Amino acid sequence: MQKLSFQETLDQIVAEDRRYDREAYVFVREALDHTIKTLKKDRNRNEARHVSGQELLEGIREHALKEYGPMAITVLASWGVCNCANFGDIVFNLVEKGVLGKTDQDRREDFQSGYDFQEAFVAPFRPSRSAQVKTSLTRQVKPAPETGRPAKKSNISQ
């Protein structure tokens, strides 16, 4: 029996489990590659080793922010991915088809205790508190229409 290509395997997975877009599977595979490279660089080693669910979730978060920036949460949602448990489902669908390997300690539940999507994908793009204060102060002083200079405050009520 001939081994299926990654694309053919994805066709099978998506036909059997329609919850997630095929792009979500491609993304998780890319995020795994990103995670492995990051772990090797951080440890200055070339040896292959197993990636835990928590390490993969962090790699997924980093990769999504790098690739999609403030649109990351929107892109993930368009693929049907709204929480870390969804990533666990995707990973284990790939494991069941032999695309990814797992150890006896790996479980779907490893992905349930991940991060909050709002904190992971939206919060990094919110302005800091000091930036919000600066912005609100800037809005209070509006230029006078005729001169383009800030309007002088008047003590006279109109």
N, C-alpha and C. Protein backbone atom coordinates (compact mmCIF):
# COMPACT_ATOMS: atom_id res chain seq x y z
N MET A 1 0.83 -1.17 0.00
CA MET A 1 0.00 0.00 0.00
C MET A 1 0.88 1.24 0.00
N GLN A 2 0.58 2.18 -0.87
CA GLN A 2 1.36 3.40 -1.01
C GLN A 2 0.97 4.40 0.07
N LYS A 3 1.98 5.06 0.65
CA LYS A 3 1.72 6.07 1.67
C LYS A 3 1.13 7.32 1.00
N LEU A 4 0.12 7.91 1.65
CA LEU A 4 -0.53 9.10 1.12
C LEU A 4 0.34 10.34 1.35
N SER A 5 0.23 11.30 0.46
CA SER A 5 0.93 12.57 0.65
C SER A 5 0.21 13.36 1.75
N PHE A 6 0.85 14.40 2.23
CA PHE A 6 0.24 15.25 3.25
C PHE A 6 -1.08 15.82 2.75
N GLN A 7 -1.10 16.28 1.52
CA GLN A 7 -2.32 16.86 0.95
C GLN A 7 -3.44 15.82 0.86
N GLU A 8 -3.11 14.61 0.44
CA GLU A 8 -4.11 13.54 0.37
C GLU A 8 -4.63 13.17 1.76
N THR A 9 -3.73 13.15 2.73
CA THR A 9 -4.13 12.87 4.10
C THR A 9 -5.06 13.96 4.62
N LEU A 10 -4.74 15.21 4.29
CA LEU A 10 -5.63 16.31 4.69
C LEU A 10 -7.01 16.17 4.07
N ASP A 11 -7.04 15.75 2.81
CA ASP A 11 -8.33 15.53 2.15
C ASP A 11 -9.17 14.53 2.95
N GLN A 12 -8.54 13.45 3.39
CA GLN A 12 -9.24 12.43 4.18
C GLN A 12 -9.72 13.00 5.52
N ILE A 13 -8.82 13.70 6.20
CA ILE A 13 -9.17 14.25 7.52
C ILE A 13 -10.34 15.20 7.41
N VAL A 14 -10.28 16.13 6.46
CA VAL A 14 -11.33 17.14 6.31
C VAL A 14 -12.65 16.50 5.89
N ALA A 15 -12.58 15.43 5.12
CA ALA A 15 -13.81 14.73 4.73
C ALA A 15 -14.45 14.04 5.94
N GLU A 16 -13.61 13.55 6.86
CA GLU A 16 -14.11 12.84 8.05
C GLU A 16 -14.50 13.78 9.18
N ASP A 17 -13.81 14.92 9.29
CA ASP A 17 -14.04 15.86 10.39
C ASP A 17 -14.10 17.27 9.80
N ARG A 18 -15.29 17.75 9.59
CA ARG A 18 -15.50 19.04 8.91
C ARG A 18 -15.43 20.25 9.85
N ARG A 19 -15.07 20.05 11.11
CA ARG A 19 -15.04 21.18 12.04
C ARG A 19 -13.99 22.22 11.69
N TYR A 20 -12.87 21.78 11.10
CA TYR A 20 -11.76 22.70 10.87
C TYR A 20 -11.39 22.73 9.39
N ASP A 21 -11.08 23.91 8.91
CA ASP A 21 -10.64 24.12 7.54
C ASP A 21 -9.27 23.45 7.34
N ARG A 22 -9.01 23.02 6.14
CA ARG A 22 -7.72 22.37 5.87
C ARG A 22 -6.55 23.29 6.15
N GLU A 23 -6.76 24.61 5.99
CA GLU A 23 -5.69 25.57 6.28
C GLU A 23 -5.26 25.51 7.74
N ALA A 24 -6.16 25.15 8.63
CA ALA A 24 -5.81 25.02 10.05
C ALA A 24 -4.79 23.90 10.24
N TYR A 25 -4.94 22.82 9.48
CA TYR A 25 -4.00 21.71 9.57
C TYR A 25 -2.63 22.10 9.00
N VAL A 26 -2.65 22.80 7.90
CA VAL A 26 -1.39 23.28 7.30
C VAL A 26 -0.69 24.22 8.28
N PHE A 27 -1.47 25.11 8.87
CA PHE A 27 -0.91 26.06 9.83
C PHE A 27 -0.29 25.34 11.03
N VAL A 28 -0.98 24.36 11.59
CA VAL A 28 -0.45 23.62 12.75
C VAL A 28 0.86 22.93 12.37
N ARG A 29 0.91 22.38 11.17
CA ARG A 29 2.15 21.73 10.72
C ARG A 29 3.28 22.76 10.61
N GLU A 30 3.00 23.93 10.06
CA GLU A 30 3.99 25.00 9.97
C GLU A 30 4.41 25.48 11.37
N ALA A 31 3.43 25.59 12.26
CA ALA A 31 3.72 26.02 13.63
C ALA A 31 4.58 25.00 14.36
N LEU A 32 4.39 23.71 14.08
CA LEU A 32 5.24 22.68 14.67
C LEU A 32 6.67 22.86 14.18
N ASP A 33 6.86 23.10 12.90
CA ASP A 33 8.21 23.35 12.36
C ASP A 33 8.83 24.56 13.04
N HIS A 34 8.05 25.63 13.19
CA HIS A 34 8.53 26.84 13.88
C HIS A 34 8.95 26.51 15.31
N THR A 35 8.14 25.72 16.01
CA THR A 35 8.41 25.36 17.40
C THR A 35 9.70 24.56 17.51
N ILE A 36 9.88 23.60 16.62
CA ILE A 36 11.08 22.77 16.65
C ILE A 36 12.32 23.63 16.43
N LYS A 37 12.26 24.54 15.45
CA LYS A 37 13.41 25.43 15.18
C LYS A 37 13.70 26.31 16.39
N THR A 38 12.66 26.84 17.00
CA THR A 38 12.83 27.71 18.17
C THR A 38 13.45 26.94 19.33
N LEU A 39 12.97 25.74 19.58
CA LEU A 39 13.50 24.94 20.68
C LEU A 39 14.96 24.56 20.44
N LYS A 40 15.30 24.24 19.20
CA LYS A 40 16.70 23.92 18.88
C LYS A 40 17.58 25.13 19.09
N LYS A 41 17.12 26.29 18.64
CA LYS A 41 17.91 27.52 18.77
C LYS A 41 18.07 27.90 20.24
N ASP A 42 17.01 27.78 21.02
CA ASP A 42 17.06 28.13 22.43
C ASP A 42 17.99 27.22 23.23
N ARG A 43 18.12 25.99 22.78
CA ARG A 43 18.95 25.03 23.51
C ARG A 43 20.31 24.79 22.83
N ASN A 44 20.52 25.47 21.70
CA ASN A 44 21.77 25.32 20.95
C ASN A 44 22.11 23.85 20.68
N ARG A 45 21.10 23.10 20.29
CA ARG A 45 21.30 21.68 19.98
C ARG A 45 20.67 21.37 18.63
N ASN A 46 21.18 20.33 18.01
CA ASN A 46 20.62 19.88 16.74
C ASN A 46 19.84 18.58 16.86
N GLU A 47 19.82 18.01 18.05
CA GLU A 47 19.15 16.73 18.21
C GLU A 47 17.63 16.87 18.15
N ALA A 48 17.00 15.90 17.58
CA ALA A 48 15.54 15.90 17.50
C ALA A 48 15.00 15.45 18.85
N ARG A 49 13.91 16.05 19.24
CA ARG A 49 13.26 15.64 20.49
C ARG A 49 11.77 15.87 20.37
N HIS A 50 11.04 15.27 21.26
CA HIS A 50 9.59 15.38 21.28
C HIS A 50 9.17 16.78 21.72
N VAL A 51 8.12 17.30 21.12
CA VAL A 51 7.56 18.60 21.49
C VAL A 51 6.29 18.34 22.31
N SER A 52 6.22 18.92 23.49
CA SER A 52 5.04 18.73 24.34
C SER A 52 3.87 19.56 23.81
N GLY A 53 2.69 19.26 24.30
CA GLY A 53 1.51 20.02 23.92
C GLY A 53 1.65 21.50 24.29
N GLN A 54 2.15 21.77 25.49
CA GLN A 54 2.32 23.16 25.93
C GLN A 54 3.36 23.90 25.08
N GLU A 55 4.44 23.22 24.71
CA GLU A 55 5.44 23.84 23.84
C GLU A 55 4.85 24.13 22.46
N LEU A 56 4.06 23.19 21.95
CA LEU A 56 3.43 23.40 20.65
C LEU A 56 2.44 24.56 20.70
N LEU A 57 1.66 24.64 21.77
CA LEU A 57 0.72 25.76 21.90
C LEU A 57 1.45 27.10 21.89
N GLU A 58 2.57 27.18 22.57
CA GLU A 58 3.34 28.43 22.57
C GLU A 58 3.88 28.71 21.17
N GLY A 59 4.37 27.68 20.49
CA GLY A 59 4.84 27.85 19.12
C GLY A 59 3.73 28.28 18.18
N ILE A 60 2.54 27.74 18.37
CA ILE A 60 1.37 28.12 17.57
C ILE A 60 1.06 29.60 17.80
N ARG A 61 1.07 30.03 19.06
CA ARG A 61 0.78 31.42 19.38
C ARG A 61 1.80 32.35 18.71
N GLU A 62 3.08 32.03 18.86
CA GLU A 62 4.14 32.86 18.26
C GLU A 62 3.99 32.91 16.74
N HIS A 63 3.77 31.76 16.15
CA HIS A 63 3.68 31.68 14.69
C HIS A 63 2.46 32.45 14.17
N ALA A 64 1.34 32.33 14.87
CA ALA A 64 0.13 33.05 14.45
C ALA A 64 0.34 34.56 14.53
N LEU A 65 0.97 35.02 15.60
CA LEU A 65 1.22 36.46 15.74
C LEU A 65 2.18 36.95 14.67
N LYS A 66 3.18 36.13 14.38
CA LYS A 66 4.17 36.51 13.36
C LYS A 66 3.53 36.55 11.96
N GLU A 67 2.74 35.55 11.65
CA GLU A 67 2.15 35.44 10.32
C GLU A 67 0.96 36.37 10.09
N TYR A 68 0.11 36.52 11.11
CA TYR A 68 -1.16 37.21 10.90
C TYR A 68 -1.35 38.46 11.75
N GLY A 69 -0.43 38.73 12.66
CA GLY A 69 -0.50 39.94 13.47
C GLY A 69 -1.85 40.09 14.14
N PRO A 70 -2.41 41.31 14.12
CA PRO A 70 -3.69 41.54 14.80
C PRO A 70 -4.86 40.78 14.19
N MET A 71 -4.69 40.22 13.02
CA MET A 71 -5.76 39.44 12.38
C MET A 71 -5.73 37.96 12.79
N ALA A 72 -4.77 37.56 13.62
CA ALA A 72 -4.60 36.15 13.97
C ALA A 72 -5.88 35.51 14.50
N ILE A 73 -6.52 36.16 15.45
CA ILE A 73 -7.73 35.57 16.05
C ILE A 73 -8.84 35.44 15.01
N THR A 74 -8.92 36.38 14.09
CA THR A 74 -9.94 36.33 13.03
C THR A 74 -9.65 35.21 12.04
N VAL A 75 -8.40 35.07 11.67
CA VAL A 75 -8.00 34.00 10.74
C VAL A 75 -8.28 32.64 11.37
N LEU A 76 -7.85 32.46 12.61
CA LEU A 76 -8.07 31.18 13.29
C LEU A 76 -9.56 30.87 13.37
N ALA A 77 -10.37 31.86 13.73
CA ALA A 77 -11.82 31.64 13.82
C ALA A 77 -12.41 31.26 12.47
N SER A 78 -11.88 31.85 11.39
CA SER A 78 -12.40 31.51 10.05
C SER A 78 -12.12 30.05 9.70
N TRP A 79 -11.12 29.48 10.35
CA TRP A 79 -10.80 28.06 10.15
C TRP A 79 -11.53 27.15 11.12
N GLY A 80 -12.32 27.72 12.03
CA GLY A 80 -13.03 26.94 13.02
C GLY A 80 -12.27 26.75 14.32
N VAL A 81 -11.16 27.46 14.48
CA VAL A 81 -10.32 27.31 15.67
C VAL A 81 -10.59 28.49 16.60
N CYS A 82 -11.17 28.19 17.77
CA CYS A 82 -11.56 29.25 18.71
C CYS A 82 -10.94 29.09 20.09
N ASN A 83 -10.25 27.98 20.32
CA ASN A 83 -9.60 27.76 21.62
C ASN A 83 -8.49 26.72 21.47
N CYS A 84 -7.72 26.55 22.52
CA CYS A 84 -6.58 25.63 22.46
C CYS A 84 -7.00 24.17 22.30
N ALA A 85 -8.17 23.82 22.84
CA ALA A 85 -8.66 22.45 22.69
C ALA A 85 -8.85 22.12 21.20
N ASN A 86 -9.24 23.11 20.40
CA ASN A 86 -9.38 22.89 18.95
C ASN A 86 -8.04 22.50 18.34
N PHE A 87 -6.95 23.13 18.80
CA PHE A 87 -5.62 22.74 18.32
C PHE A 87 -5.32 21.29 18.70
N GLY A 88 -5.74 20.89 19.88
CA GLY A 88 -5.56 19.50 20.30
C GLY A 88 -6.29 18.53 19.38
N ASP A 89 -7.51 18.88 18.99
CA ASP A 89 -8.26 18.05 18.05
C ASP A 89 -7.52 17.92 16.72
N ILE A 90 -7.01 19.03 16.24
CA ILE A 90 -6.27 19.03 14.96
C ILE A 90 -5.03 18.16 15.07
N VAL A 91 -4.27 18.35 16.14
CA VAL A 91 -3.05 17.56 16.34
C VAL A 91 -3.38 16.08 16.40
N PHE A 92 -4.39 15.72 17.15
CA PHE A 92 -4.70 14.29 17.28
C PHE A 92 -5.35 13.71 16.03
N ASN A 93 -6.02 14.51 15.23
CA ASN A 93 -6.45 14.03 13.91
C ASN A 93 -5.23 13.70 13.06
N LEU A 94 -4.20 14.54 13.13
CA LEU A 94 -2.96 14.28 12.39
C LEU A 94 -2.22 13.07 12.95
N VAL A 95 -2.26 12.89 14.26
CA VAL A 95 -1.63 11.72 14.89
C VAL A 95 -2.32 10.45 14.43
N GLU A 96 -3.66 10.45 14.44
CA GLU A 96 -4.43 9.26 14.05
C GLU A 96 -4.17 8.84 12.61
N LYS A 97 -3.81 9.80 11.76
CA LYS A 97 -3.51 9.48 10.35
C LYS A 97 -2.02 9.22 10.13
N GLY A 98 -1.23 9.27 11.20
CA GLY A 98 0.19 8.96 11.08
C GLY A 98 1.06 10.11 10.59
N VAL A 99 0.50 11.30 10.50
CA VAL A 99 1.28 12.46 10.05
C VAL A 99 2.21 12.92 11.18
N LEU A 100 1.70 12.90 12.41
CA LEU A 100 2.48 13.28 13.58
C LEU A 100 2.59 12.08 14.50
N GLY A 101 3.64 12.08 15.29
CA GLY A 101 3.82 11.03 16.28
C GLY A 101 3.44 11.53 17.66
N LYS A 102 3.32 10.61 18.59
CA LYS A 102 3.03 10.98 19.97
C LYS A 102 3.67 9.98 20.92
N THR A 103 3.83 10.41 22.16
CA THR A 103 4.32 9.50 23.19
C THR A 103 3.12 9.00 23.99
N ASP A 104 3.37 8.05 24.87
CA ASP A 104 2.29 7.53 25.71
C ASP A 104 1.75 8.59 26.67
N GLN A 105 2.55 9.61 26.96
CA GLN A 105 2.13 10.67 27.88
C GLN A 105 1.28 11.75 27.18
N ASP A 106 1.29 11.81 25.87
CA ASP A 106 0.55 12.85 25.14
C ASP A 106 -0.94 12.55 25.15
N ARG A 107 -1.73 13.60 25.44
CA ARG A 107 -3.18 13.46 25.46
C ARG A 107 -3.83 14.71 24.89
N ARG A 108 -5.03 14.57 24.39
CA ARG A 108 -5.80 15.73 23.91
C ARG A 108 -5.96 16.77 25.02
N GLU A 109 -6.13 16.29 26.22
CA GLU A 109 -6.36 17.16 27.37
C GLU A 109 -5.18 18.11 27.60
N ASP A 110 -4.00 17.77 27.10
CA ASP A 110 -2.83 18.64 27.25
C ASP A 110 -3.08 20.02 26.63
N PHE A 111 -3.99 20.08 25.68
CA PHE A 111 -4.26 21.31 24.96
C PHE A 111 -5.40 22.13 25.61
N GLN A 112 -6.15 21.51 26.51
CA GLN A 112 -7.27 22.21 27.12
C GLN A 112 -6.84 23.27 28.13
N SER A 113 -5.69 23.09 28.72
CA SER A 113 -5.23 24.05 29.73
C SER A 113 -4.27 25.07 29.11
N GLY A 114 -4.53 25.42 27.88
CA GLY A 114 -3.68 26.38 27.18
C GLY A 114 -3.99 27.81 27.59
N TYR A 115 -3.99 28.69 26.63
CA TYR A 115 -4.19 30.11 26.90
C TYR A 115 -5.56 30.59 26.42
N ASP A 116 -5.93 31.75 26.93
CA ASP A 116 -7.13 32.43 26.51
C ASP A 116 -6.84 33.12 25.18
N PHE A 117 -7.66 32.92 24.17
CA PHE A 117 -7.41 33.47 22.84
C PHE A 117 -7.38 35.00 22.84
N GLN A 118 -8.24 35.63 23.63
CA GLN A 118 -8.23 37.10 23.68
C GLN A 118 -6.89 37.60 24.22
N GLU A 119 -6.40 36.97 25.27
CA GLU A 119 -5.12 37.38 25.85
C GLU A 119 -3.95 37.06 24.92
N ALA A 120 -4.02 35.94 24.24
CA ALA A 120 -2.91 35.50 23.39
C ALA A 120 -2.84 36.26 22.07
N PHE A 121 -3.99 36.57 21.47
CA PHE A 121 -3.99 37.11 20.11
C PHE A 121 -4.51 38.54 19.97
N VAL A 122 -5.20 39.06 20.98
CA VAL A 122 -5.72 40.42 20.90
C VAL A 122 -4.92 41.35 21.80
N ALA A 123 -4.67 40.93 23.04
CA ALA A 123 -3.98 41.79 24.01
C ALA A 123 -2.63 42.33 23.52
N PRO A 124 -1.84 41.56 22.79
CA PRO A 124 -0.54 42.11 22.35
C PRO A 124 -0.67 43.35 21.45
N PHE A 125 -1.84 43.58 20.91
CA PHE A 125 -2.02 44.70 19.99
C PHE A 125 -2.82 45.85 20.60
N ARG A 126 -3.23 45.68 21.85
CA ARG A 126 -3.91 46.78 22.54
C ARG A 126 -2.86 47.81 22.93
N PRO A 127 -3.19 49.09 22.84
CA PRO A 127 -2.22 50.10 23.26
C PRO A 127 -1.98 49.99 24.77
N SER A 128 -0.77 50.31 25.17
CA SER A 128 -0.46 50.29 26.59
C SER A 128 -1.25 51.39 27.29
N ARG A 129 -1.34 51.33 28.59
CA ARG A 129 -2.10 52.33 29.35
C ARG A 129 -1.53 53.72 29.12
N SER A 130 -0.20 53.86 29.10
CA SER A 130 0.40 55.19 28.89
C SER A 130 0.07 55.72 27.50
N ALA A 131 0.01 54.86 26.51
CA ALA A 131 -0.35 55.29 25.15
C ALA A 131 -1.81 55.73 25.10
N GLN A 132 -2.67 55.05 25.86
CA GLN A 132 -4.08 55.43 25.90
C GLN A 132 -4.25 56.81 26.54
N VAL A 133 -3.48 57.09 27.60
CA VAL A 133 -3.56 58.38 28.27
C VAL A 133 -3.08 59.48 27.33
N LYS A 134 -1.96 59.24 26.64
CA LYS A 134 -1.43 60.22 25.69
C LYS A 134 -2.46 60.52 24.60
N THR A 135 -3.08 59.48 24.08
CA THR A 135 -4.07 59.64 23.02
C THR A 135 -5.25 60.47 23.52
N SER A 136 -5.72 60.19 24.73
CA SER A 136 -6.87 60.94 25.22
C SER A 136 -6.49 62.40 25.49
N LEU A 137 -5.27 62.67 25.94
CA LEU A 137 -4.83 64.05 26.14
C LEU A 137 -4.70 64.77 24.81
N THR A 138 -4.21 64.10 23.81
CA THR A 138 -4.06 64.70 22.48
C THR A 138 -5.42 65.06 21.90
N ARG A 139 -6.41 64.25 22.15
CA ARG A 139 -7.75 64.50 21.62
C ARG A 139 -8.40 65.72 22.28
N GLN A 140 -8.01 66.04 23.51
CA GLN A 140 -8.63 67.15 24.21
C GLN A 140 -8.25 68.51 23.63
N VAL A 141 -7.03 68.63 23.09
CA VAL A 141 -6.58 69.90 22.52
C VAL A 141 -6.73 69.80 21.02
N LYS A 142 -7.78 70.45 20.52
CA LYS A 142 -8.05 70.38 19.09
C LYS A 142 -7.59 71.67 18.43
N PRO A 143 -7.04 71.59 17.22
CA PRO A 143 -6.60 72.81 16.55
C PRO A 143 -7.79 73.68 16.15
N ALA A 144 -7.55 74.99 16.21
CA ALA A 144 -8.58 75.92 15.73
C ALA A 144 -8.67 75.77 14.22
N PRO A 145 -9.87 75.76 13.65
CA PRO A 145 -10.03 75.50 12.23
C PRO A 145 -9.31 76.49 11.32
N GLU A 146 -9.24 77.77 11.71
CA GLU A 146 -8.65 78.77 10.82
C GLU A 146 -7.13 78.72 10.80
N THR A 147 -6.49 78.50 11.94
CA THR A 147 -5.04 78.65 12.04
C THR A 147 -4.30 77.34 12.00
N GLY A 148 -4.94 76.26 12.40
CA GLY A 148 -4.25 74.98 12.49
C GLY A 148 -3.49 74.84 13.80
N ARG A 149 -3.49 75.90 14.64
CA ARG A 149 -2.83 75.86 15.95
C ARG A 149 -3.86 75.47 17.00
N PRO A 150 -3.37 74.98 18.17
CA PRO A 150 -4.32 74.62 19.22
C PRO A 150 -5.17 75.81 19.62
N ALA A 151 -6.44 75.55 19.85
CA ALA A 151 -7.36 76.61 20.26
C ALA A 151 -7.04 77.03 21.69
N LYS A 152 -7.15 78.33 21.97
CA LYS A 152 -6.94 78.83 23.32
C LYS A 152 -8.22 78.64 24.12
N LYS A 153 -8.03 78.26 25.36
CA LYS A 153 -9.20 78.10 26.21
C LYS A 153 -9.67 79.47 26.65
N SER A 154 -10.94 79.65 26.72
CA SER A 154 -11.54 80.92 27.10
C SER A 154 -12.26 80.76 28.42
N ASN A 155 -12.22 81.78 29.22
CA ASN A 155 -12.96 81.77 30.48
C ASN A 155 -14.39 82.22 30.27
N ILE A 156 -14.72 82.68 29.11
CA ILE A 156 -16.06 83.20 28.82
C ILE A 156 -16.94 82.06 28.38
N SER A 157 -18.07 81.91 28.99
CA SER A 157 -19.03 80.88 28.59
C SER A 157 -19.82 81.36 27.40
N GLN A 158 -20.12 80.48 26.53
CA GLN A 158 -20.90 80.86 25.36
C GLN A 158 -22.29 80.32 25.46
